[in-house]
N, C-alpha and C. Protein backbone atom coordinates (compact mmCIF):
# COMPACT_ATOMS: atom_id res chain seq x y z
N MET A 1 0.85 -1.18 0.00
CA MET A 1 0.00 0.00 0.00
C MET A 1 0.89 1.24 0.00
N SER A 2 0.53 2.19 -0.80
CA SER A 2 1.32 3.40 -0.90
C SER A 2 0.88 4.39 0.16
N VAL A 3 1.70 4.52 1.19
CA VAL A 3 1.39 5.46 2.27
C VAL A 3 1.36 6.88 1.74
N SER A 4 2.31 7.22 0.87
CA SER A 4 2.36 8.59 0.36
C SER A 4 1.10 8.93 -0.43
N MET A 5 0.63 8.01 -1.26
CA MET A 5 -0.57 8.28 -2.04
C MET A 5 -1.80 8.33 -1.14
N SER A 6 -1.83 7.52 -0.11
CA SER A 6 -2.94 7.54 0.84
C SER A 6 -3.00 8.88 1.57
N LEU A 7 -1.84 9.37 2.00
CA LEU A 7 -1.80 10.66 2.68
C LEU A 7 -2.24 11.78 1.74
N LEU A 8 -1.78 11.72 0.50
CA LEU A 8 -2.20 12.72 -0.48
C LEU A 8 -3.71 12.69 -0.68
N ALA A 9 -4.27 11.51 -0.80
CA ALA A 9 -5.72 11.37 -1.00
C ALA A 9 -6.48 11.95 0.20
N MET A 10 -5.97 11.75 1.40
CA MET A 10 -6.62 12.30 2.59
C MET A 10 -6.52 13.82 2.61
N LEU A 11 -5.37 14.34 2.18
CA LEU A 11 -5.18 15.79 2.14
C LEU A 11 -6.05 16.43 1.06
N GLU A 12 -6.47 15.65 0.09
CA GLU A 12 -7.35 16.19 -0.93
C GLU A 12 -8.71 16.53 -0.33
N GLU A 13 -9.08 15.83 0.73
CA GLU A 13 -10.35 16.10 1.40
C GLU A 13 -10.30 17.39 2.21
N ARG A 14 -9.18 17.60 2.91
CA ARG A 14 -8.99 18.82 3.72
C ARG A 14 -7.55 18.88 4.20
N SER A 15 -7.12 20.07 4.58
CA SER A 15 -5.78 20.25 5.13
C SER A 15 -5.73 19.60 6.51
N MET A 16 -4.57 19.04 6.86
CA MET A 16 -4.44 18.35 8.15
C MET A 16 -3.03 18.52 8.71
N TYR A 17 -2.94 18.28 10.01
CA TYR A 17 -1.67 18.22 10.71
C TYR A 17 -1.13 16.80 10.59
N GLY A 18 0.15 16.61 10.85
CA GLY A 18 0.77 15.30 10.73
C GLY A 18 0.12 14.24 11.61
N LEU A 19 -0.10 14.56 12.88
CA LEU A 19 -0.71 13.59 13.79
C LEU A 19 -2.14 13.27 13.36
N GLU A 20 -2.82 14.28 12.86
CA GLU A 20 -4.17 14.09 12.36
C GLU A 20 -4.17 13.13 11.16
N LEU A 21 -3.20 13.29 10.26
CA LEU A 21 -3.06 12.38 9.12
C LEU A 21 -2.85 10.95 9.59
N LYS A 22 -2.00 10.78 10.58
CA LYS A 22 -1.74 9.46 11.14
C LYS A 22 -3.03 8.83 11.65
N ASN A 23 -3.79 9.61 12.43
CA ASN A 23 -5.02 9.09 13.02
C ASN A 23 -6.08 8.77 11.97
N VAL A 24 -6.24 9.64 10.98
CA VAL A 24 -7.22 9.40 9.92
C VAL A 24 -6.82 8.16 9.10
N PHE A 25 -5.53 8.02 8.81
CA PHE A 25 -5.04 6.85 8.08
C PHE A 25 -5.37 5.57 8.85
N GLU A 26 -5.07 5.56 10.14
CA GLU A 26 -5.32 4.37 10.95
C GLU A 26 -6.81 4.07 11.08
N GLU A 27 -7.63 5.11 11.19
CA GLU A 27 -9.08 4.91 11.24
C GLU A 27 -9.58 4.30 9.94
N SER A 28 -9.06 4.80 8.81
CA SER A 28 -9.54 4.32 7.51
C SER A 28 -9.10 2.89 7.22
N THR A 29 -8.07 2.41 7.90
CA THR A 29 -7.64 1.02 7.72
C THR A 29 -8.02 0.15 8.92
N GLY A 30 -8.91 0.67 9.76
CA GLY A 30 -9.37 -0.10 10.91
C GLY A 30 -8.27 -0.41 11.90
N GLY A 31 -7.19 0.37 11.90
CA GLY A 31 -6.09 0.15 12.82
C GLY A 31 -5.20 -1.03 12.45
N VAL A 32 -5.48 -1.66 11.30
CA VAL A 32 -4.71 -2.82 10.88
C VAL A 32 -3.31 -2.42 10.42
N TRP A 33 -3.19 -1.23 9.83
CA TRP A 33 -1.90 -0.72 9.38
C TRP A 33 -1.50 0.47 10.22
N PRO A 34 -0.92 0.24 11.39
CA PRO A 34 -0.51 1.38 12.21
C PRO A 34 0.63 2.14 11.54
N LEU A 35 0.60 3.44 11.67
CA LEU A 35 1.64 4.30 11.11
C LEU A 35 2.38 4.98 12.23
N ASN A 36 3.66 5.03 12.12
CA ASN A 36 4.48 5.78 13.05
C ASN A 36 4.39 7.25 12.64
N VAL A 37 4.19 8.14 13.61
CA VAL A 37 4.05 9.56 13.27
C VAL A 37 5.31 10.08 12.58
N GLY A 38 6.46 9.51 12.90
CA GLY A 38 7.70 9.88 12.23
C GLY A 38 7.65 9.53 10.75
N GLN A 39 7.04 8.39 10.42
CA GLN A 39 6.89 7.99 9.03
C GLN A 39 5.99 8.98 8.29
N VAL A 40 4.96 9.47 8.98
CA VAL A 40 4.06 10.45 8.36
C VAL A 40 4.84 11.71 8.02
N TYR A 41 5.63 12.22 8.98
CA TYR A 41 6.36 13.47 8.73
C TYR A 41 7.46 13.29 7.68
N THR A 42 8.09 12.14 7.66
CA THR A 42 9.09 11.87 6.62
C THR A 42 8.43 11.85 5.25
N THR A 43 7.29 11.19 5.16
CA THR A 43 6.56 11.10 3.90
C THR A 43 6.08 12.49 3.47
N ILE A 44 5.55 13.26 4.41
CA ILE A 44 5.08 14.62 4.10
C ILE A 44 6.24 15.48 3.60
N SER A 45 7.40 15.32 4.22
CA SER A 45 8.59 16.09 3.77
C SER A 45 8.92 15.77 2.32
N ARG A 46 8.87 14.48 1.95
CA ARG A 46 9.14 14.09 0.57
C ARG A 46 8.08 14.64 -0.38
N LEU A 47 6.83 14.59 0.04
CA LEU A 47 5.75 15.12 -0.79
C LEU A 47 5.89 16.63 -0.96
N GLU A 48 6.32 17.30 0.11
CA GLU A 48 6.54 18.75 0.05
C GLU A 48 7.71 19.06 -0.90
N ARG A 49 8.78 18.30 -0.78
CA ARG A 49 9.94 18.46 -1.65
C ARG A 49 9.56 18.29 -3.12
N ASP A 50 8.64 17.34 -3.39
CA ASP A 50 8.22 17.05 -4.75
C ASP A 50 7.12 17.99 -5.25
N GLY A 51 6.72 18.94 -4.42
CA GLY A 51 5.72 19.93 -4.83
C GLY A 51 4.29 19.42 -4.82
N LEU A 52 4.05 18.32 -4.11
CA LEU A 52 2.71 17.74 -4.06
C LEU A 52 1.92 18.19 -2.84
N VAL A 53 2.65 18.69 -1.84
CA VAL A 53 2.08 19.17 -0.58
C VAL A 53 2.77 20.48 -0.24
N ALA A 54 2.03 21.39 0.39
CA ALA A 54 2.62 22.65 0.82
C ALA A 54 2.22 22.93 2.26
N LEU A 55 3.11 23.57 2.97
CA LEU A 55 2.82 23.99 4.34
C LEU A 55 1.82 25.14 4.26
N ARG A 56 0.68 24.97 4.87
CA ARG A 56 -0.37 26.00 4.80
C ARG A 56 -0.21 27.02 5.91
N SER A 57 0.06 26.52 7.11
CA SER A 57 0.28 27.42 8.24
C SER A 57 1.03 26.68 9.33
N GLU A 58 1.58 27.45 10.25
CA GLU A 58 2.32 26.86 11.36
C GLU A 58 2.08 27.72 12.59
N SER A 59 1.68 27.07 13.67
CA SER A 59 1.52 27.78 14.95
C SER A 59 1.75 26.79 16.08
N ASP A 60 2.46 27.27 17.08
CA ASP A 60 2.79 26.43 18.25
C ASP A 60 3.44 25.12 17.86
N GLY A 61 4.27 25.15 16.83
CA GLY A 61 4.98 23.95 16.40
C GLY A 61 4.13 23.01 15.57
N GLN A 62 2.86 23.32 15.40
CA GLN A 62 1.95 22.50 14.60
C GLN A 62 1.97 22.99 13.16
N LYS A 63 2.21 22.07 12.23
CA LYS A 63 2.24 22.42 10.81
C LYS A 63 1.01 21.86 10.13
N LEU A 64 0.28 22.74 9.47
CA LEU A 64 -0.91 22.34 8.74
C LEU A 64 -0.53 22.20 7.27
N TYR A 65 -0.77 21.01 6.71
CA TYR A 65 -0.38 20.72 5.33
C TYR A 65 -1.59 20.70 4.41
N ALA A 66 -1.37 21.16 3.19
CA ALA A 66 -2.42 21.17 2.18
C ALA A 66 -1.86 20.56 0.89
N ILE A 67 -2.75 19.97 0.13
CA ILE A 67 -2.35 19.38 -1.15
C ILE A 67 -2.23 20.50 -2.18
N THR A 68 -1.32 20.35 -3.11
CA THR A 68 -1.15 21.32 -4.20
C THR A 68 -1.91 20.82 -5.43
N ASP A 69 -1.98 21.64 -6.47
CA ASP A 69 -2.61 21.21 -7.72
C ASP A 69 -1.88 20.00 -8.30
N ALA A 70 -0.55 20.02 -8.21
CA ALA A 70 0.23 18.88 -8.69
C ALA A 70 -0.11 17.63 -7.88
N GLY A 71 -0.34 17.79 -6.58
CA GLY A 71 -0.73 16.68 -5.73
C GLY A 71 -2.09 16.13 -6.12
N ARG A 72 -3.03 17.03 -6.44
CA ARG A 72 -4.37 16.59 -6.88
C ARG A 72 -4.26 15.80 -8.18
N ASP A 73 -3.40 16.28 -9.09
CA ASP A 73 -3.19 15.56 -10.35
C ASP A 73 -2.62 14.16 -10.09
N ARG A 74 -1.69 14.07 -9.14
CA ARG A 74 -1.07 12.79 -8.82
C ARG A 74 -2.10 11.81 -8.26
N VAL A 75 -2.97 12.31 -7.35
CA VAL A 75 -4.01 11.45 -6.77
C VAL A 75 -4.96 10.98 -7.86
N ALA A 76 -5.37 11.89 -8.73
CA ALA A 76 -6.29 11.52 -9.82
C ALA A 76 -5.65 10.43 -10.69
N GLY A 77 -4.37 10.58 -11.00
CA GLY A 77 -3.66 9.58 -11.79
C GLY A 77 -3.55 8.25 -11.07
N TRP A 78 -3.36 8.30 -9.77
CA TRP A 78 -3.27 7.08 -8.96
C TRP A 78 -4.55 6.26 -9.07
N PHE A 79 -5.68 6.96 -9.02
CA PHE A 79 -6.96 6.25 -9.10
C PHE A 79 -7.29 5.80 -10.53
N ARG A 80 -6.69 6.41 -11.52
CA ARG A 80 -6.96 6.06 -12.93
C ARG A 80 -6.08 4.93 -13.45
N HIS A 81 -5.00 4.60 -12.76
CA HIS A 81 -4.07 3.58 -13.25
C HIS A 81 -4.00 2.39 -12.29
N PRO A 82 -3.76 1.20 -12.84
CA PRO A 82 -3.66 0.02 -11.97
C PRO A 82 -2.43 0.10 -11.08
N SER A 83 -2.52 -0.54 -9.94
CA SER A 83 -1.38 -0.59 -9.02
C SER A 83 -0.31 -1.50 -9.60
N ARG A 84 0.93 -1.13 -9.38
CA ARG A 84 2.05 -1.95 -9.84
C ARG A 84 2.59 -2.73 -8.65
N LYS A 85 2.89 -3.97 -8.90
CA LYS A 85 3.41 -4.82 -7.85
C LYS A 85 4.89 -4.57 -7.58
N GLY A 86 5.64 -4.25 -8.59
CA GLY A 86 7.07 -4.05 -8.39
C GLY A 86 7.77 -5.38 -8.20
N ALA A 87 8.97 -5.31 -7.69
CA ALA A 87 9.76 -6.52 -7.46
C ALA A 87 9.10 -7.37 -6.37
N VAL A 88 9.25 -8.66 -6.50
CA VAL A 88 8.70 -9.57 -5.50
C VAL A 88 9.45 -9.37 -4.19
N ALA A 89 8.68 -9.12 -3.16
CA ALA A 89 9.29 -8.91 -1.85
C ALA A 89 9.78 -10.24 -1.28
N ARG A 90 10.74 -10.14 -0.43
CA ARG A 90 11.19 -11.35 0.26
C ARG A 90 10.05 -11.84 1.13
N ASP A 91 9.85 -13.10 1.11
CA ASP A 91 8.73 -13.69 1.81
C ASP A 91 9.28 -14.62 2.88
N GLU A 92 9.05 -14.28 4.11
CA GLU A 92 9.63 -15.04 5.21
C GLU A 92 9.18 -16.50 5.22
N ILE A 93 7.92 -16.75 4.93
CA ILE A 93 7.45 -18.14 4.96
C ILE A 93 8.13 -18.96 3.85
N VAL A 94 8.30 -18.38 2.68
CA VAL A 94 8.98 -19.10 1.60
C VAL A 94 10.42 -19.40 2.00
N LEU A 95 11.09 -18.41 2.56
CA LEU A 95 12.47 -18.62 3.01
C LEU A 95 12.54 -19.69 4.10
N LYS A 96 11.59 -19.62 5.04
CA LYS A 96 11.57 -20.58 6.15
C LYS A 96 11.37 -22.01 5.63
N LEU A 97 10.42 -22.18 4.71
CA LEU A 97 10.19 -23.53 4.16
C LEU A 97 11.38 -24.01 3.36
N SER A 98 11.97 -23.12 2.56
CA SER A 98 13.14 -23.51 1.77
C SER A 98 14.28 -23.96 2.67
N LEU A 99 14.50 -23.24 3.75
CA LEU A 99 15.56 -23.63 4.69
C LEU A 99 15.21 -24.91 5.44
N ALA A 100 13.92 -25.05 5.81
CA ALA A 100 13.50 -26.25 6.54
C ALA A 100 13.74 -27.50 5.71
N LEU A 101 13.63 -27.37 4.39
CA LEU A 101 13.86 -28.52 3.50
C LEU A 101 15.31 -28.97 3.49
N VAL A 102 16.24 -28.06 3.71
CA VAL A 102 17.66 -28.40 3.57
C VAL A 102 18.39 -28.45 4.90
N LYS A 103 17.74 -28.04 5.97
CA LYS A 103 18.40 -28.00 7.28
C LYS A 103 18.13 -29.31 8.02
N PRO A 104 19.19 -30.02 8.35
CA PRO A 104 19.01 -31.28 9.07
C PRO A 104 18.32 -31.06 10.42
N GLY A 105 17.44 -31.98 10.76
CA GLY A 105 16.78 -31.93 12.05
C GLY A 105 15.52 -31.08 12.10
N VAL A 106 15.18 -30.40 11.01
CA VAL A 106 13.97 -29.57 11.00
C VAL A 106 12.86 -30.36 10.31
N ASP A 107 11.73 -30.48 10.97
CA ASP A 107 10.58 -31.19 10.42
C ASP A 107 9.76 -30.20 9.60
N VAL A 108 9.91 -30.25 8.28
CA VAL A 108 9.24 -29.30 7.40
C VAL A 108 7.72 -29.42 7.52
N GLY A 109 7.23 -30.63 7.77
CA GLY A 109 5.78 -30.82 7.97
C GLY A 109 5.28 -30.05 9.18
N ALA A 110 6.06 -30.08 10.26
CA ALA A 110 5.69 -29.34 11.47
C ALA A 110 5.73 -27.83 11.22
N VAL A 111 6.70 -27.38 10.43
CA VAL A 111 6.79 -25.96 10.10
C VAL A 111 5.55 -25.54 9.31
N ILE A 112 5.15 -26.35 8.35
CA ILE A 112 3.95 -26.05 7.55
C ILE A 112 2.72 -26.01 8.45
N GLN A 113 2.60 -26.99 9.34
CA GLN A 113 1.46 -27.02 10.25
C GLN A 113 1.41 -25.77 11.14
N LEU A 114 2.55 -25.37 11.65
CA LEU A 114 2.64 -24.17 12.49
C LEU A 114 2.18 -22.94 11.72
N GLU A 115 2.67 -22.79 10.49
CA GLU A 115 2.29 -21.63 9.67
C GLU A 115 0.81 -21.68 9.31
N ARG A 116 0.31 -22.87 8.97
CA ARG A 116 -1.10 -23.03 8.62
C ARG A 116 -1.99 -22.65 9.81
N ARG A 117 -1.62 -23.13 10.99
CA ARG A 117 -2.40 -22.85 12.19
C ARG A 117 -2.45 -21.33 12.46
N ALA A 118 -1.31 -20.66 12.32
CA ALA A 118 -1.26 -19.21 12.54
C ALA A 118 -2.14 -18.48 11.52
N LEU A 119 -2.10 -18.92 10.26
CA LEU A 119 -2.94 -18.30 9.23
C LEU A 119 -4.42 -18.52 9.51
N LEU A 120 -4.78 -19.72 9.94
CA LEU A 120 -6.18 -20.00 10.25
C LEU A 120 -6.68 -19.18 11.43
N GLU A 121 -5.80 -18.94 12.40
CA GLU A 121 -6.17 -18.06 13.53
C GLU A 121 -6.42 -16.63 13.04
N GLN A 122 -5.56 -16.16 12.14
CA GLN A 122 -5.77 -14.83 11.55
C GLN A 122 -7.08 -14.80 10.78
N LEU A 123 -7.33 -15.85 10.01
CA LEU A 123 -8.55 -15.94 9.22
C LEU A 123 -9.79 -15.86 10.12
N GLN A 124 -9.76 -16.58 11.24
CA GLN A 124 -10.87 -16.53 12.18
C GLN A 124 -11.06 -15.12 12.75
N GLU A 125 -9.96 -14.44 13.05
CA GLU A 125 -10.05 -13.09 13.61
C GLU A 125 -10.65 -12.12 12.59
N TYR A 126 -10.19 -12.17 11.34
CA TYR A 126 -10.73 -11.28 10.31
C TYR A 126 -12.19 -11.60 10.02
N THR A 127 -12.56 -12.88 10.05
CA THR A 127 -13.95 -13.27 9.83
C THR A 127 -14.82 -12.75 10.97
N ARG A 128 -14.31 -12.82 12.19
CA ARG A 128 -15.05 -12.28 13.35
C ARG A 128 -15.24 -10.78 13.21
N LEU A 129 -14.15 -10.08 12.84
CA LEU A 129 -14.24 -8.63 12.65
C LEU A 129 -15.27 -8.28 11.58
N LYS A 130 -15.30 -9.08 10.53
CA LYS A 130 -16.25 -8.83 9.44
C LYS A 130 -17.68 -9.03 9.93
N SER A 131 -17.91 -10.08 10.70
CA SER A 131 -19.27 -10.33 11.20
C SER A 131 -19.68 -9.30 12.25
N ASP A 132 -18.72 -8.72 12.95
CA ASP A 132 -19.01 -7.69 13.96
C ASP A 132 -19.13 -6.29 13.38
N ALA A 133 -18.81 -6.14 12.08
CA ALA A 133 -18.90 -4.81 11.46
C ALA A 133 -20.33 -4.32 11.57
N PRO A 134 -20.51 -3.06 11.96
CA PRO A 134 -21.85 -2.56 12.25
C PRO A 134 -22.82 -2.58 11.07
N SER A 135 -22.37 -2.23 9.89
CA SER A 135 -23.28 -2.19 8.75
C SER A 135 -22.49 -2.03 7.46
N GLU A 136 -23.20 -1.97 6.39
CA GLU A 136 -22.57 -1.75 5.09
C GLU A 136 -22.06 -0.32 4.95
N GLN A 137 -22.34 0.55 5.95
CA GLN A 137 -21.88 1.93 5.89
C GLN A 137 -20.37 2.02 5.88
N ASP A 138 -19.71 1.09 6.54
CA ASP A 138 -18.25 1.11 6.59
C ASP A 138 -17.71 0.19 5.49
N LEU A 139 -18.06 0.51 4.27
CA LEU A 139 -17.74 -0.32 3.12
C LEU A 139 -16.24 -0.50 2.94
N GLY A 140 -15.46 0.57 3.17
CA GLY A 140 -14.00 0.47 3.03
C GLY A 140 -13.42 -0.56 3.98
N TRP A 141 -13.89 -0.60 5.20
CA TRP A 141 -13.42 -1.55 6.21
C TRP A 141 -13.76 -2.97 5.77
N LEU A 142 -14.97 -3.17 5.25
CA LEU A 142 -15.37 -4.51 4.81
C LEU A 142 -14.56 -4.96 3.60
N ILE A 143 -14.27 -4.05 2.69
CA ILE A 143 -13.44 -4.39 1.53
C ILE A 143 -12.03 -4.78 1.98
N LEU A 144 -11.50 -4.05 2.95
CA LEU A 144 -10.17 -4.36 3.49
C LEU A 144 -10.17 -5.74 4.13
N LEU A 145 -11.18 -6.04 4.94
CA LEU A 145 -11.26 -7.35 5.58
C LEU A 145 -11.39 -8.47 4.54
N ASP A 146 -12.21 -8.25 3.52
CA ASP A 146 -12.32 -9.25 2.45
C ASP A 146 -10.97 -9.51 1.80
N SER A 147 -10.22 -8.46 1.57
CA SER A 147 -8.89 -8.60 0.96
C SER A 147 -8.00 -9.48 1.84
N PHE A 148 -7.99 -9.21 3.13
CA PHE A 148 -7.18 -10.02 4.05
C PHE A 148 -7.65 -11.47 4.06
N ILE A 149 -8.94 -11.67 4.11
CA ILE A 149 -9.50 -13.03 4.15
C ILE A 149 -9.11 -13.81 2.90
N PHE A 150 -9.27 -13.20 1.73
CA PHE A 150 -8.95 -13.90 0.48
C PHE A 150 -7.45 -14.20 0.38
N LYS A 151 -6.62 -13.27 0.83
CA LYS A 151 -5.16 -13.50 0.79
C LYS A 151 -4.77 -14.64 1.71
N ILE A 152 -5.36 -14.69 2.89
CA ILE A 152 -5.04 -15.77 3.83
C ILE A 152 -5.53 -17.10 3.29
N GLU A 153 -6.73 -17.12 2.72
CA GLU A 153 -7.24 -18.37 2.14
C GLU A 153 -6.31 -18.87 1.04
N ALA A 154 -5.83 -17.95 0.21
CA ALA A 154 -4.89 -18.34 -0.85
C ALA A 154 -3.59 -18.86 -0.26
N ARG A 155 -3.13 -18.23 0.81
CA ARG A 155 -1.88 -18.63 1.46
C ARG A 155 -2.01 -20.04 2.05
N VAL A 156 -3.17 -20.34 2.64
CA VAL A 156 -3.40 -21.68 3.19
C VAL A 156 -3.41 -22.70 2.06
N ARG A 157 -4.06 -22.38 0.93
CA ARG A 157 -4.04 -23.30 -0.22
C ARG A 157 -2.62 -23.51 -0.72
N TRP A 158 -1.82 -22.45 -0.72
CA TRP A 158 -0.42 -22.56 -1.14
C TRP A 158 0.34 -23.50 -0.20
N LEU A 159 0.13 -23.38 1.11
CA LEU A 159 0.79 -24.28 2.06
C LEU A 159 0.35 -25.73 1.82
N ASP A 160 -0.93 -25.92 1.55
CA ASP A 160 -1.41 -27.27 1.23
C ASP A 160 -0.69 -27.83 0.01
N SER A 161 -0.52 -26.98 -1.00
CA SER A 161 0.18 -27.39 -2.22
C SER A 161 1.65 -27.71 -1.93
N CYS A 162 2.28 -26.87 -1.10
CA CYS A 162 3.69 -27.13 -0.72
C CYS A 162 3.81 -28.47 -0.02
N GLU A 163 2.91 -28.71 0.91
CA GLU A 163 2.95 -29.95 1.68
C GLU A 163 2.80 -31.16 0.74
N ALA A 164 1.85 -31.09 -0.18
CA ALA A 164 1.64 -32.19 -1.12
C ALA A 164 2.86 -32.38 -2.01
N ARG A 165 3.44 -31.31 -2.48
CA ARG A 165 4.62 -31.40 -3.34
C ARG A 165 5.80 -32.01 -2.59
N ILE A 166 5.98 -31.61 -1.36
CA ILE A 166 7.10 -32.12 -0.54
C ILE A 166 6.92 -33.62 -0.29
N ILE A 167 5.69 -34.01 0.02
CA ILE A 167 5.42 -35.43 0.27
C ILE A 167 5.69 -36.25 -1.00
N ARG A 168 5.21 -35.73 -2.14
CA ARG A 168 5.43 -36.44 -3.41
C ARG A 168 6.92 -36.56 -3.74
N SER A 169 7.69 -35.53 -3.38
CA SER A 169 9.11 -35.55 -3.73
C SER A 169 9.94 -36.43 -2.80
N GLY A 170 9.36 -36.81 -1.68
CA GLY A 170 10.11 -37.61 -0.72
C GLY A 170 10.96 -36.77 0.21
N ALA A 171 10.92 -35.46 0.08
CA ALA A 171 11.74 -34.58 0.93
C ALA A 171 11.31 -34.67 2.39
N ALA A 172 10.03 -34.95 2.62
CA ALA A 172 9.55 -35.04 4.00
C ALA A 172 10.17 -36.24 4.71
N ALA A 173 10.60 -37.24 3.94
CA ALA A 173 11.19 -38.43 4.54
C ALA A 173 12.68 -38.26 4.80
N GLY A 174 13.17 -37.05 4.65
CA GLY A 174 14.57 -36.80 4.95
C GLY A 174 15.49 -36.90 3.76
N ARG A 175 14.96 -37.19 2.58
CA ARG A 175 15.77 -37.26 1.38
C ARG A 175 16.08 -35.84 0.91
N ARG A 176 17.33 -35.57 0.68
CA ARG A 176 17.71 -34.23 0.24
C ARG A 176 17.45 -34.09 -1.25
N PRO A 177 16.54 -33.16 -1.64
CA PRO A 177 16.22 -32.99 -3.06
C PRO A 177 17.43 -32.50 -3.86
N ARG A 178 17.42 -32.77 -5.17
CA ARG A 178 18.51 -32.34 -6.06
C ARG A 178 18.73 -30.83 -5.99
N TRP A 179 17.64 -30.09 -5.89
CA TRP A 179 17.74 -28.64 -5.95
C TRP A 179 18.11 -28.01 -4.61
N ALA A 180 18.29 -28.81 -3.57
CA ALA A 180 18.52 -28.28 -2.23
C ALA A 180 19.72 -27.36 -2.16
N SER A 181 20.80 -27.70 -2.83
CA SER A 181 21.99 -26.84 -2.80
C SER A 181 21.72 -25.49 -3.44
N ALA A 182 21.00 -25.49 -4.56
CA ALA A 182 20.67 -24.22 -5.23
C ALA A 182 19.78 -23.36 -4.34
N VAL A 183 18.79 -23.97 -3.68
CA VAL A 183 17.92 -23.20 -2.78
C VAL A 183 18.71 -22.66 -1.61
N ALA A 184 19.58 -23.47 -1.05
CA ALA A 184 20.39 -23.02 0.08
C ALA A 184 21.26 -21.84 -0.32
N ASP A 185 21.88 -21.92 -1.50
CA ASP A 185 22.71 -20.81 -1.98
C ASP A 185 21.87 -19.55 -2.19
N HIS A 186 20.67 -19.71 -2.78
CA HIS A 186 19.79 -18.56 -3.03
C HIS A 186 19.33 -17.93 -1.73
N VAL A 187 18.89 -18.76 -0.79
CA VAL A 187 18.42 -18.25 0.51
C VAL A 187 19.55 -17.53 1.23
N GLU A 188 20.73 -18.14 1.20
CA GLU A 188 21.90 -17.52 1.84
C GLU A 188 22.17 -16.14 1.26
N SER A 189 22.08 -15.99 -0.07
CA SER A 189 22.34 -14.68 -0.69
C SER A 189 21.22 -13.69 -0.36
N GLU A 190 19.97 -14.16 -0.21
CA GLU A 190 18.85 -13.28 0.14
C GLU A 190 19.01 -12.76 1.56
N VAL A 191 19.49 -13.60 2.46
CA VAL A 191 19.64 -13.22 3.87
C VAL A 191 20.72 -12.17 4.02
N ARG A 192 21.78 -12.28 3.21
CA ARG A 192 22.87 -11.30 3.29
C ARG A 192 22.42 -10.00 2.84
């Protein structure tokens, strides 16, 4: 999620102080994505440097920020274009499973079970939050929860697929797969 674009979109509604931006951001994401106020001010500084935000007023150390015309154009463009994924982020679970496959004494099946159990607990929590949502009035919150639920469901299916693949390959029985050295080298370089 682009924090800078989210802050710009909020500033399009009205001018705000940094702490106010933090609070509105957290409210709009149901507190699921907490923001450090320092991150807000760092982001605002970059947006100001880029001419997308301007300092509107300052009193008692409080700075009120407003979006510029260039900032409005950027927000409009953000909503008109699809989001880009960029480079694939390092994924801790993938790294953990890859290492579990090549590390002696680690039960990869137990690692998968542990990860699956944690995901299912998250799934239950998000499902509870969704059922406790007051009404369709908070549509953004419900859309966010649906996104989390679908991602977790996909992740659990992926773990199921990993488990089946590992069992078929015989790696669960302690046999070191042919590709184990390549994975170990790749994981080692990612960790560095």
